[in-house]
């Protein structure tokens, strides 16, 4: 038999209750649509191009996913610049943060 409990919780005037999906949508809108390497370094708080490339972008654990999911454009002969889908990358970083910074293998 299922039991239920009804609770009333006051929400202060300065706060609102919002659906998780709406929060994600608002976060996506807050991001620029495209980042370059400088923007990615800023997001990850890494100052060295080599560090971010070695620990993250060229790490086999992430590289395949970043390419397949359309998150990152790796420099090539047709467009020799890093470009990142900011919304997808932001989500990817959030979901994989511990592994990216090296605390979880």
Protein backbone atom coordinates (compact mmCIF):
# COMPACT_ATOMS: atom_id res chain seq x y z
CA UNK A 1 0.00 0.00 0.00
CA UNK A 2 1.39 3.38 -1.00
CA UNK A 3 1.44 6.05 1.66
CA UNK A 4 1.55 9.75 0.87
CA UNK A 5 2.62 12.73 2.89
CA UNK A 6 1.52 16.25 2.08
CA UNK A 7 3.98 18.97 3.08
CA UNK A 8 3.81 22.73 2.72
CA UNK A 9 7.14 24.47 2.29
CA UNK A 10 7.25 28.27 2.16
CA UNK A 11 9.35 29.71 -0.65
CA UNK A 12 10.93 33.09 0.20
CA UNK A 13 9.88 36.07 -1.95
CA UNK A 14 13.30 36.37 -3.61
CA UNK A 15 13.29 32.75 -4.87
CA UNK A 16 11.30 30.80 -7.46
CA UNK A 17 10.77 27.12 -8.10
CA UNK A 18 11.70 26.17 -11.66
CA UNK A 19 11.80 22.92 -13.66
CA UNK A 20 15.25 21.41 -14.25
CA UNK A 21 14.74 21.43 -18.02
CA UNK A 22 13.94 25.15 -17.95
CA UNK A 23 17.16 25.80 -16.00
CA UNK A 24 19.13 23.89 -18.65
CA UNK A 25 17.43 25.91 -21.40
CA UNK A 26 18.30 29.19 -19.67
CA UNK A 27 21.91 28.07 -19.16
CA UNK A 28 22.13 27.24 -22.85
CA UNK A 29 20.85 30.67 -23.81
CA UNK A 30 23.41 32.33 -21.53
CA UNK A 31 26.31 30.76 -23.43
CA UNK A 32 27.74 32.21 -26.61
CA UNK A 33 26.98 29.75 -29.40
CA UNK A 34 30.64 29.20 -30.35
CA UNK A 35 33.82 29.22 -28.29
CA UNK A 36 37.41 29.31 -29.41
CA UNK A 37 40.34 27.83 -27.47
CA UNK A 38 40.68 31.00 -25.40
CA UNK A 39 37.04 30.71 -24.25
CA UNK A 40 37.49 27.04 -23.37
CA UNK A 41 40.62 27.79 -21.35
CA UNK A 42 38.72 30.47 -19.49
CA UNK A 43 35.85 28.08 -18.71
CA UNK A 44 38.24 25.42 -17.39
CA UNK A 45 40.51 27.96 -15.65
CA UNK A 46 43.57 26.56 -17.46
CA UNK A 47 46.19 28.99 -18.68
CA UNK A 48 48.28 26.77 -20.95
CA UNK A 49 47.24 25.67 -24.43
CA UNK A 50 49.40 22.55 -24.03
CA UNK A 51 47.75 21.60 -20.74
CA UNK A 52 44.23 21.83 -22.09
CA UNK A 53 45.18 19.97 -25.27
CA UNK A 54 47.07 17.18 -23.49
CA UNK A 55 44.72 16.69 -20.53
CA UNK A 56 41.49 17.15 -22.42
CA UNK A 57 41.30 17.72 -26.17
CA UNK A 58 43.80 15.08 -27.31
CA UNK A 59 43.04 12.70 -24.45
CA UNK A 60 41.63 9.58 -26.17
CA UNK A 61 39.07 9.29 -23.36
CA UNK A 62 37.43 12.53 -24.58
CA UNK A 63 38.62 13.20 -28.14
CA UNK A 64 36.39 10.62 -29.83
CA UNK A 65 33.28 11.81 -27.97
CA UNK A 66 34.00 15.48 -28.64
CA UNK A 67 34.23 14.80 -32.36
CA UNK A 68 31.33 12.35 -32.63
CA UNK A 69 28.93 14.51 -30.62
CA UNK A 70 29.74 17.61 -32.68
CA UNK A 71 31.15 19.41 -29.67
CA UNK A 72 34.60 20.25 -31.01
CA UNK A 73 36.12 21.11 -34.36
CA UNK A 74 39.78 20.13 -34.37
CA UNK A 75 42.03 22.24 -36.59
CA UNK A 76 42.52 20.74 -40.04
CA UNK A 77 43.54 21.82 -43.51
CA UNK A 78 40.10 23.26 -44.29
CA UNK A 79 39.71 25.34 -41.10
CA UNK A 80 42.83 25.65 -39.02
CA UNK A 81 41.21 26.87 -35.79
CA UNK A 82 39.66 25.35 -32.72
CA UNK A 83 35.89 25.84 -32.50
CA UNK A 84 33.53 24.47 -29.88
CA UNK A 85 29.76 24.28 -29.65
CA UNK A 86 29.52 26.26 -26.41
CA UNK A 87 26.25 24.80 -25.20
CA UNK A 88 27.26 21.20 -25.79
CA UNK A 89 30.76 21.78 -24.41
CA UNK A 90 29.47 23.43 -21.28
CA UNK A 91 27.20 20.46 -20.63
CA UNK A 92 30.02 18.00 -21.41
CA UNK A 93 32.34 19.77 -18.97
CA UNK A 94 29.69 19.70 -16.26
CA UNK A 95 29.04 16.00 -16.75
CA UNK A 96 32.74 15.03 -16.93
CA UNK A 97 34.41 17.66 -14.75
CA UNK A 98 36.17 15.32 -12.31
CA UNK A 99 37.61 13.21 -15.12
CA UNK A 100 38.73 16.25 -17.12
CA UNK A 101 40.66 17.82 -14.28
CA UNK A 102 42.20 14.45 -13.44
CA UNK A 103 40.61 13.51 -10.13
CA UNK A 104 38.69 10.53 -11.47
CA UNK A 105 40.04 8.07 -13.96
